[in-house]
């Protein structure tokens, strides 16, 4: 039986720590809003999924001048 899956991937480069913090706050809010909108614990015949969200720094192929 084929099960539906979802994969989303993107690279993002932040201008500053403040931008990274603002992005994190907005993404967390959107994530929580969508979960609240679509989650129905008592849905007859419903199927539960686990949704993960994560981020980590990329290791540059060639370091920027400031990173050397």
N, C-alpha and C. Protein backbone atom coordinates (compact mmCIF):
# COMPACT_ATOMS: atom_id res chain seq x y z
N UNK A 1 0.85 -1.18 0.00
CA UNK A 1 0.00 0.00 0.00
C UNK A 1 0.89 1.24 0.00
N UNK A 2 0.62 2.15 -0.90
CA UNK A 2 1.37 3.40 -0.97
C UNK A 2 0.82 4.39 0.04
N UNK A 3 1.71 4.98 0.83
CA UNK A 3 1.30 5.98 1.81
C UNK A 3 1.73 7.36 1.35
N UNK A 4 0.85 8.35 1.50
CA UNK A 4 1.23 9.70 1.10
C UNK A 4 2.31 10.26 2.02
N UNK A 5 3.29 10.91 1.42
CA UNK A 5 4.37 11.53 2.17
C UNK A 5 4.58 12.95 1.65
N UNK A 6 5.35 13.71 2.37
CA UNK A 6 5.65 15.10 1.99
C UNK A 6 7.10 15.38 2.32
N UNK A 7 7.81 15.99 1.40
CA UNK A 7 9.16 16.44 1.65
C UNK A 7 9.28 17.87 1.14
N UNK A 8 9.84 18.73 1.96
CA UNK A 8 10.11 20.11 1.56
C UNK A 8 11.52 20.45 2.01
N UNK A 9 12.30 21.05 1.14
CA UNK A 9 13.67 21.37 1.47
C UNK A 9 14.05 22.69 0.80
N UNK A 10 14.76 23.53 1.52
CA UNK A 10 15.22 24.80 0.97
C UNK A 10 16.44 25.26 1.72
N UNK A 11 17.31 25.98 1.04
CA UNK A 11 18.43 26.64 1.69
C UNK A 11 18.08 28.12 1.81
N UNK A 12 18.46 28.74 2.91
CA UNK A 12 18.20 30.15 3.12
C UNK A 12 19.43 30.77 3.77
N UNK A 13 19.80 31.95 3.32
CA UNK A 13 20.95 32.67 3.89
C UNK A 13 20.43 33.95 4.53
N UNK A 14 20.61 34.07 5.82
CA UNK A 14 20.10 35.22 6.56
C UNK A 14 21.12 36.36 6.54
N UNK A 15 20.62 37.59 6.45
CA UNK A 15 21.48 38.76 6.49
C UNK A 15 22.06 38.98 7.88
N UNK A 16 21.30 38.57 8.90
CA UNK A 16 21.73 38.86 10.26
C UNK A 16 21.07 37.88 11.23
N UNK A 17 21.58 37.88 12.45
CA UNK A 17 20.97 37.06 13.50
C UNK A 17 19.55 37.53 13.79
N UNK A 18 19.31 38.83 13.68
CA UNK A 18 17.95 39.37 13.91
C UNK A 18 16.98 38.83 12.85
N UNK A 19 17.42 38.78 11.59
CA UNK A 19 16.56 38.22 10.53
C UNK A 19 16.29 36.74 10.79
N UNK A 20 17.33 36.02 11.22
CA UNK A 20 17.15 34.60 11.51
C UNK A 20 16.15 34.40 12.64
N UNK A 21 16.23 35.24 13.65
CA UNK A 21 15.31 35.16 14.78
C UNK A 21 13.87 35.49 14.35
N UNK A 22 13.71 36.52 13.54
CA UNK A 22 12.38 36.91 13.05
C UNK A 22 11.78 35.80 12.18
N UNK A 23 12.60 35.21 11.32
CA UNK A 23 12.15 34.11 10.46
C UNK A 23 11.68 32.94 11.32
N UNK A 24 12.47 32.61 12.33
CA UNK A 24 12.13 31.50 13.22
C UNK A 24 10.79 31.74 13.91
N UNK A 25 10.57 32.96 14.38
CA UNK A 25 9.30 33.29 15.05
C UNK A 25 8.12 33.16 14.08
N UNK A 26 8.28 33.69 12.86
CA UNK A 26 7.20 33.62 11.86
C UNK A 26 6.93 32.18 11.45
N UNK A 27 7.99 31.40 11.23
CA UNK A 27 7.81 30.01 10.81
C UNK A 27 7.13 29.19 11.90
N UNK A 28 7.53 29.40 13.14
CA UNK A 28 6.92 28.69 14.26
C UNK A 28 5.44 29.03 14.38
N UNK A 29 5.11 30.30 14.20
CA UNK A 29 3.70 30.73 14.26
C UNK A 29 2.89 30.09 13.14
N UNK A 30 3.42 30.09 11.94
CA UNK A 30 2.71 29.48 10.80
C UNK A 30 2.54 27.98 11.01
N UNK A 31 3.56 27.32 11.51
CA UNK A 31 3.52 25.89 11.80
C UNK A 31 2.41 25.59 12.80
N UNK A 32 2.38 26.32 13.89
CA UNK A 32 1.36 26.10 14.93
C UNK A 32 -0.04 26.40 14.41
N UNK A 33 -0.18 27.45 13.60
CA UNK A 33 -1.49 27.82 13.05
C UNK A 33 -2.03 26.71 12.14
N UNK A 34 -1.18 26.16 11.29
CA UNK A 34 -1.62 25.09 10.39
C UNK A 34 -1.97 23.82 11.16
N UNK A 35 -1.19 23.48 12.16
CA UNK A 35 -1.50 22.30 12.97
C UNK A 35 -2.86 22.47 13.65
N UNK A 36 -3.08 23.64 14.25
CA UNK A 36 -4.36 23.90 14.93
C UNK A 36 -5.53 23.84 13.94
N UNK A 37 -5.31 24.30 12.72
CA UNK A 37 -6.39 24.34 11.72
C UNK A 37 -6.78 22.93 11.25
N UNK A 38 -5.81 22.06 11.04
CA UNK A 38 -6.10 20.77 10.40
C UNK A 38 -6.12 19.57 11.34
N UNK A 39 -5.62 19.69 12.53
CA UNK A 39 -5.59 18.55 13.45
C UNK A 39 -6.98 18.27 14.01
N UNK A 40 -7.40 17.02 13.92
CA UNK A 40 -8.68 16.60 14.50
C UNK A 40 -8.45 15.24 15.15
N UNK A 41 -8.17 15.26 16.43
CA UNK A 41 -7.85 14.05 17.17
C UNK A 41 -8.97 13.01 17.10
N UNK A 42 -10.21 13.45 16.96
CA UNK A 42 -11.35 12.52 17.00
C UNK A 42 -11.93 12.20 15.61
N UNK A 43 -11.21 12.52 14.55
CA UNK A 43 -11.72 12.27 13.20
C UNK A 43 -11.85 10.77 12.95
N UNK A 44 -13.08 10.29 12.70
CA UNK A 44 -13.25 8.86 12.41
C UNK A 44 -12.54 8.51 11.11
N UNK A 45 -11.74 7.47 11.14
CA UNK A 45 -11.03 7.04 9.94
C UNK A 45 -9.84 7.91 9.60
N UNK A 46 -9.52 8.88 10.44
CA UNK A 46 -8.39 9.76 10.17
C UNK A 46 -7.07 9.01 10.34
N UNK A 47 -6.03 9.59 9.81
CA UNK A 47 -4.70 9.00 9.92
C UNK A 47 -3.78 10.05 10.52
N UNK A 48 -3.02 9.66 11.52
CA UNK A 48 -2.06 10.57 12.16
C UNK A 48 -0.74 10.57 11.42
N UNK A 49 -0.11 11.72 11.36
CA UNK A 49 1.21 11.90 10.76
C UNK A 49 2.09 12.64 11.74
N UNK A 50 3.38 12.45 11.65
CA UNK A 50 4.33 13.23 12.42
C UNK A 50 4.99 14.21 11.45
N UNK A 51 4.97 15.47 11.80
CA UNK A 51 5.57 16.51 10.97
C UNK A 51 6.75 17.09 11.73
N UNK A 52 7.92 17.06 11.12
CA UNK A 52 9.13 17.57 11.73
C UNK A 52 9.57 18.85 11.04
N UNK A 53 10.12 19.75 11.82
CA UNK A 53 10.68 20.97 11.26
C UNK A 53 12.04 21.15 11.92
N UNK A 54 13.06 21.39 11.15
CA UNK A 54 14.39 21.56 11.71
C UNK A 54 15.26 22.40 10.81
N UNK A 55 16.34 22.87 11.36
CA UNK A 55 17.32 23.59 10.55
C UNK A 55 18.69 23.43 11.18
N UNK A 56 19.70 23.55 10.38
CA UNK A 56 21.08 23.45 10.84
C UNK A 56 21.95 24.23 9.88
N UNK A 57 23.07 24.73 10.35
CA UNK A 57 23.97 25.48 9.47
C UNK A 57 24.56 24.56 8.40
N UNK A 58 24.65 25.06 7.19
CA UNK A 58 25.31 24.32 6.12
C UNK A 58 26.81 24.49 6.25
N UNK A 59 27.55 23.48 5.90
CA UNK A 59 29.00 23.58 5.85
C UNK A 59 29.34 24.06 4.44
N UNK A 60 29.94 25.23 4.33
CA UNK A 60 30.22 25.77 2.99
C UNK A 60 31.23 24.92 2.23
N UNK A 61 31.02 24.82 0.92
CA UNK A 61 31.98 24.10 0.08
C UNK A 61 33.30 24.84 0.06
N UNK A 62 33.21 26.17 -0.06
CA UNK A 62 34.39 27.03 0.02
C UNK A 62 34.06 28.14 1.01
N UNK A 63 34.80 28.24 2.10
CA UNK A 63 34.47 29.24 3.12
C UNK A 63 34.54 30.67 2.56
N UNK A 64 33.62 31.51 3.07
CA UNK A 64 33.67 32.94 2.74
C UNK A 64 34.96 33.50 3.33
N UNK A 65 35.38 34.65 2.84
CA UNK A 65 36.58 35.29 3.35
C UNK A 65 36.50 35.51 4.85
N UNK A 66 35.32 35.92 5.35
CA UNK A 66 35.18 36.19 6.77
C UNK A 66 35.22 34.92 7.62
N UNK A 67 34.98 33.75 7.01
CA UNK A 67 34.97 32.50 7.75
C UNK A 67 36.34 31.83 7.77
N UNK A 68 37.31 32.34 6.98
CA UNK A 68 38.64 31.73 6.91
C UNK A 68 39.44 32.02 8.16
